[in-house]
Amino acid sequence: MRSMVGGEPDFPEVGDQLELIYDAQHPGHAVRWTERRSPITVGVAWTSVAALLIAVGTLGALLT
């Protein structure tokens, strides 16, 4: 199977081996394993930023 893959996070070169997740009945719908994990990582990062902003805001309110 040949497929176009996104460049992030590691910018694969032609011929590089990639881990794929796919359904044998629909191999054309394959996704890279790293692409599959990406939304979770982004969600954790945004949640961490939100928690930090809440903590800073709360601390600022307590100190004034």
C-alpha atoms as a PDB file:
ATOM      1  CA  MET A   1       0.000   0.000   0.000  1.00  0.00           C
ATOM      2  CA  ARG A   2       1.173   3.539  -0.708  1.00  0.00           C
ATOM      3  CA  SER A   3      -0.074   6.525   1.164  1.00  0.00           C
ATOM      4  CA  MET A   4       0.704  10.181   1.773  1.00  0.00           C
ATOM      5  CA  VAL A   5       1.553  10.844   5.403  1.00  0.00           C
ATOM      6  CA  GLY A   6       1.749  14.070   7.331  1.00  0.00           C
ATOM      7  CA  GLY A   7       5.188  15.416   8.096  1.00  0.00           C
ATOM      8  CA  GLU A   8       4.733  16.055  11.775  1.00  0.00           C
ATOM      9  CA  PRO A   9       6.038  15.102  14.263  1.00  0.00           C
ATOM     10  CA  ASP A  10       9.132  13.543  12.676  1.00  0.00           C
ATOM     11  CA  PHE A  11       9.075  14.345   8.927  1.00  0.00           C
ATOM     12  CA  PRO A  12       9.567  10.841   7.488  1.00  0.00           C
ATOM     13  CA  GLU A  13      11.668  10.344   4.347  1.00  0.00           C
ATOM     14  CA  VAL A  14      10.857   8.131   1.361  1.00  0.00           C
ATOM     15  CA  GLY A  15      11.469   4.517   2.358  1.00  0.00           C
ATOM     16  CA  ASP A  16      11.239   5.079   6.128  1.00  0.00           C
ATOM     17  CA  GLN A  17       9.337   2.432   8.059  1.00  0.00           C
ATOM     18  CA  LEU A  18       6.228   3.708   9.828  1.00  0.00           C
ATOM     19  CA  GLU A  19       3.888   2.094  12.343  1.00  0.00           C
ATOM     20  CA  LEU A  20       0.344   2.024  10.975  1.00  0.00           C
ATOM     21  CA  ILE A  21      -3.063   1.229  12.388  1.00  0.00           C
ATOM     22  CA  TYR A  22      -5.481  -0.091   9.799  1.00  0.00           C
ATOM     23  CA  ASP A  23      -8.503  -2.270   9.226  1.00  0.00           C
ATOM     24  CA  ALA A  24      -7.669  -5.202   6.932  1.00  0.00           C
ATOM     25  CA  GLN A  25     -11.042  -4.694   5.202  1.00  0.00           C
ATOM     26  CA  HIS A  26     -10.186  -1.025   4.471  1.00  0.00           C
ATOM     27  CA  PRO A  27      -6.383  -0.682   4.302  1.00  0.00           C
ATOM     28  CA  GLY A  28      -6.704   2.666   2.527  1.00  0.00           C
ATOM     29  CA  HIS A  29      -7.942   4.209   5.786  1.00  0.00           C
ATOM     30  CA  ALA A  30      -4.643   3.571   7.559  1.00  0.00           C
ATOM     31  CA  VAL A  31      -3.302   6.184   9.966  1.00  0.00           C
ATOM     32  CA  ARG A  32       0.131   6.536  11.497  1.00  0.00           C
ATOM     33  CA  TRP A  33       0.405   5.412  15.099  1.00  0.00           C
ATOM     34  CA  THR A  34       1.901   8.792  16.076  1.00  0.00           C
ATOM     35  CA  GLU A  35      -0.989  10.609  14.372  1.00  0.00           C
ATOM     36  CA  ARG A  36      -3.407   8.500  16.368  1.00  0.00           C
ATOM     37  CA  ARG A  37      -1.783   9.552  19.682  1.00  0.00           C
ATOM     38  CA  SER A  38      -1.417  13.203  18.762  1.00  0.00           C
ATOM     39  CA  PRO A  39      -4.874  14.455  19.834  1.00  0.00           C
ATOM     40  CA  ILE A  40      -4.375  13.042  23.324  1.00  0.00           C
ATOM     41  CA  THR A  41      -1.035  14.809  23.660  1.00  0.00           C
ATOM     42  CA  VAL A  42      -2.525  18.092  22.463  1.00  0.00           C
ATOM     43  CA  GLY A  43      -5.442  17.704  24.884  1.00  0.00           C
ATOM     44  CA  VAL A  44      -3.111  17.106  27.822  1.00  0.00           C
ATOM     45  CA  ALA A  45      -1.010  20.120  26.852  1.00  0.00           C
ATOM     46  CA  TRP A  46      -4.025  22.467  26.623  1.00  0.00           C
ATOM     47  CA  THR A  47      -5.418  21.142  29.900  1.00  0.00           C
ATOM     48  CA  SER A  48      -2.066  21.807  31.574  1.00  0.00           C
ATOM     49  CA  VAL A  49      -1.977  25.363  30.215  1.00  0.00           C
ATOM     50  CA  ALA A  50      -5.543  25.979  31.411  1.00  0.00           C
ATOM     51  CA  ALA A  51      -4.729  24.645  34.891  1.00  0.00           C
ATOM     52  CA  LEU A  52      -1.646  26.859  35.076  1.00  0.00           C
ATOM     53  CA  LEU A  53      -3.654  29.955  34.085  1.00  0.00           C
ATOM     54  CA  ILE A  54      -6.336  29.164  36.673  1.00  0.00           C
ATOM     55  CA  ALA A  55      -3.657  28.721  39.374  1.00  0.00           C
ATOM     56  CA  VAL A  56      -1.960  32.014  38.453  1.00  0.00           C
ATOM     57  CA  GLY A  57      -5.308  33.831  38.385  1.00  0.00           C
ATOM     58  CA  THR A  58      -6.316  32.401  41.764  1.00  0.00           C
ATOM     59  CA  LEU A  59      -2.955  33.273  43.293  1.00  0.00           C
ATOM     60  CA  GLY A  60      -3.179  36.794  41.892  1.00  0.00           C
ATOM     61  CA  ALA A  61      -6.661  37.239  43.335  1.00  0.00           C
ATOM     62  CA  LEU A  62      -5.536  36.006  46.764  1.00  0.00           C
ATOM     63  CA  LEU A  63      -2.533  38.344  46.858  1.00  0.00           C
ATOM     64  CA  THR A  64      -4.519  41.490  46.028  1.00  0.00           C
END
